[in-house]
Protein backbone atom coordinates (compact mmCIF):
# COMPACT_ATOMS: atom_id res chain seq x y z
CA MET A 1 28.44 -19.82 6.60
CA ILE A 2 24.68 -20.40 6.46
CA TYR A 3 24.09 -17.03 8.16
CA TYR A 4 25.96 -15.19 5.41
CA PHE A 5 24.14 -17.14 2.68
CA CYS A 6 20.74 -16.30 4.22
CA LYS A 7 21.72 -12.66 4.69
CA GLU A 8 22.90 -12.42 1.07
CA MET A 9 19.66 -14.02 -0.18
CA SER A 10 17.61 -11.62 1.94
CA THR A 11 19.56 -8.66 0.53
CA ARG A 12 19.04 -9.93 -3.03
CA MET A 13 15.31 -10.42 -2.46
CA ARG A 14 14.97 -6.94 -0.93
CA THR A 15 16.96 -5.40 -3.74
CA ASN A 16 14.84 -7.24 -6.32
CA SER A 17 11.62 -6.13 -4.57
CA GLU A 18 12.89 -2.57 -4.40
CA SER A 19 13.85 -2.68 -8.06
CA ILE A 20 10.38 -3.95 -9.01
CA ALA A 21 8.77 -1.32 -6.75
CA GLU A 22 10.82 1.44 -8.37
CA ALA A 23 9.93 0.30 -11.89
CA LEU A 24 6.26 -0.08 -10.97
CA HIS A 25 6.17 3.36 -9.35
CA SER A 26 7.73 5.00 -12.38
CA ALA A 27 5.36 3.22 -14.77
CA ALA A 28 2.34 4.12 -12.63
CA VAL A 29 3.29 7.81 -12.58
CA GLN A 30 3.73 7.83 -16.37
CA LEU A 31 0.45 5.96 -16.84
CA LEU A 32 -1.50 8.38 -14.64
CA ARG A 33 0.01 11.41 -16.37
CA SER A 34 -0.91 9.96 -19.73
CA LEU A 35 -4.48 9.23 -18.67
CA ARG A 36 -4.80 12.72 -17.22
CA ARG A 37 -4.03 14.07 -20.67
CA ALA A 38 -7.11 12.19 -21.94
CA ASP A 39 -9.11 14.44 -19.57
CA ALA A 40 -7.30 17.62 -20.61
CA GLY A 41 -9.50 20.48 -21.65
CA GLY A 42 -12.39 19.32 -19.53
CA GLU A 43 -13.94 21.28 -16.71
CA LEU A 44 -12.60 18.90 -14.08
CA ASN A 45 -9.07 18.94 -12.76
CA ALA A 46 -7.62 15.88 -11.03
CA SER A 47 -8.78 16.86 -7.51
CA ARG A 48 -12.35 17.56 -8.63
CA LEU A 49 -12.50 14.35 -10.65
CA SER A 50 -11.18 12.33 -7.73
CA ALA A 51 -13.68 13.86 -5.29
CA LEU A 52 -16.54 13.29 -7.75
CA SER A 53 -15.49 9.66 -8.07
CA VAL A 54 -15.70 9.19 -4.30
CA VAL A 55 -19.14 10.83 -4.18
CA VAL A 56 -20.44 8.71 -7.07
CA PHE A 57 -19.17 5.40 -5.71
CA ALA A 58 -19.54 6.04 -1.96
CA GLY A 59 -23.07 7.39 -2.27
CA PRO A 60 -24.17 10.34 -0.16
CA ILE A 61 -21.20 11.34 1.99
CA SER A 62 -20.44 14.05 4.51
CA LEU A 63 -17.92 16.78 3.73
CA GLY A 64 -15.65 15.54 6.53
CA ALA A 65 -15.72 11.97 5.28
CA LEU A 66 -15.03 13.14 1.74
CA ALA A 67 -12.10 15.29 2.92
CA ALA A 68 -10.71 12.31 4.83
CA ALA A 69 -11.12 10.00 1.82
CA GLU A 70 -9.28 12.51 -0.38
CA GLN A 71 -6.69 13.28 2.30
CA VAL A 72 -7.29 17.02 2.27
CA ARG A 73 -8.45 19.51 4.89
CA PRO A 74 -12.18 20.35 5.09
CA PRO A 75 -11.72 23.95 3.79
CA THR A 76 -10.02 22.57 0.67
CA MET A 77 -12.82 20.06 0.18
CA THR A 78 -15.41 22.80 0.65
CA ARG A 79 -13.90 24.67 -2.32
CA ILE A 80 -13.85 21.50 -4.43
CA VAL A 81 -17.45 20.60 -3.57
CA ASN A 82 -18.63 24.18 -4.23
CA ALA A 83 -17.02 24.03 -7.69
CA LEU A 84 -18.63 20.65 -8.39
CA GLU A 85 -21.98 22.02 -7.26
CA GLU A 86 -21.63 25.07 -9.54
CA LEU A 87 -21.03 22.67 -12.43
CA GLY A 88 -24.18 20.75 -11.49
CA LEU A 89 -22.24 17.56 -10.71
CA VAL A 90 -23.11 17.24 -7.02
CA ALA A 91 -25.93 18.37 -4.77
CA LYS A 92 -25.69 19.29 -1.10
CA ALA A 93 -28.42 18.59 1.41
CA LYS A 94 -28.69 19.20 5.15
CA ASP A 95 -28.47 16.04 7.22
CA ALA A 96 -31.93 15.20 8.57
CA GLU A 97 -30.54 14.17 11.97
CA ASP A 98 -28.01 16.97 12.41
CA ARG A 99 -28.83 20.10 10.42
CA ARG A 100 -25.22 21.32 10.83
CA ASN A 101 -23.93 18.45 8.69
CA ILE A 102 -24.18 18.46 4.92
CA SER A 103 -24.60 15.37 2.80
CA ILE A 104 -23.08 15.44 -0.68
CA SER A 105 -24.48 13.28 -3.46
CA ALA A 106 -23.83 13.01 -7.17
CA THR A 107 -26.35 14.31 -9.66
CA MET A 108 -27.18 12.40 -12.83
CA LYS A 109 -24.96 14.85 -14.71
CA GLY A 110 -22.15 14.08 -12.26
CA LYS A 111 -22.56 10.34 -12.77
CA ARG A 112 -22.65 10.71 -16.56
CA THR A 113 -19.59 12.98 -16.49
CA LEU A 114 -17.63 10.50 -14.39
CA ILE A 115 -18.60 7.55 -16.57
CA ALA A 116 -17.74 9.46 -19.77
CA GLY A 117 -14.31 10.40 -18.38
CA ARG A 118 -13.64 6.83 -17.31
CA SER A 119 -14.62 5.60 -20.79
CA ARG A 120 -12.26 8.12 -22.40
CA ARG A 121 -9.37 7.03 -20.21
CA ILE A 122 -10.05 3.33 -20.81
CA ARG A 123 -10.24 3.88 -24.59
CA SER A 124 -6.94 5.76 -24.49
CA LEU A 125 -5.30 2.96 -22.53
CA ALA A 126 -6.88 0.21 -24.68
CA GLU A 127 -5.49 1.84 -27.84
CA ARG A 128 -2.00 1.63 -26.37
CA ILE A 129 -2.48 -1.94 -25.19
CA GLU A 130 -3.58 -2.97 -28.71
CA ARG A 131 -0.12 -1.97 -29.98
CA LEU A 132 1.49 -4.62 -27.78
CA ASP A 133 2.01 -8.20 -28.86
CA ALA A 134 -0.02 -11.06 -27.32
CA ARG A 135 2.73 -11.99 -24.83
CA GLU A 136 2.97 -8.41 -23.53
CA ARG A 137 -0.83 -8.16 -23.20
CA GLU A 138 -0.87 -11.42 -21.22
CA ALA A 139 1.90 -10.07 -18.98
CA LEU A 140 -0.13 -6.90 -18.35
CA GLN A 141 -3.20 -8.99 -17.50
CA ALA A 142 -1.18 -11.04 -15.02
CA ALA A 143 0.41 -7.91 -13.55
CA ALA A 144 -3.01 -6.30 -13.06
CA GLY A 145 -4.13 -9.37 -11.10
CA ALA A 146 -0.95 -9.35 -9.02
CA ILE A 147 -1.38 -5.65 -8.24
CA ARG A 148 -5.00 -6.20 -7.12
CA LYS A 149 -3.87 -9.11 -4.91
CA MET A 150 -1.03 -7.03 -3.46
CA MET A 151 -3.34 -4.13 -2.66
CA GLN A 152 -5.99 -6.35 -1.05
CA ALA A 153 -3.34 -7.80 1.24
CA ALA A 154 -2.25 -4.33 2.38
């Protein structure tokens, strides 16, 4: 009898966790699509913006490390970095220790561009959050903390 009770509770917990995961996934996809629209019309698509973010926050980085961070192949990252360089957002330099390696760093224009885009997305999101009532805003604040905790434990 206890076995069946424990098994049923485990199934309910898994189902509840899966239900929460499904709702969270759907909401995250919608949120990211919405925030991407705030960047629409700019010179940076999602892959370029993501790569620029890594370069800005990771400091000088090799092409291989950047490709690994973005989970793309080096030839793909080469095209992205070349486009960012043409826009004046990153600079490439030969590695002093191994001249075959290239170090990629953000320019001031790249940093300003990234910060401006982030500000635009945050403003867009803040405007939507302001439409919620106090209880919903508190729930979002708590959820953000829970998501950070969940991701740090991963």
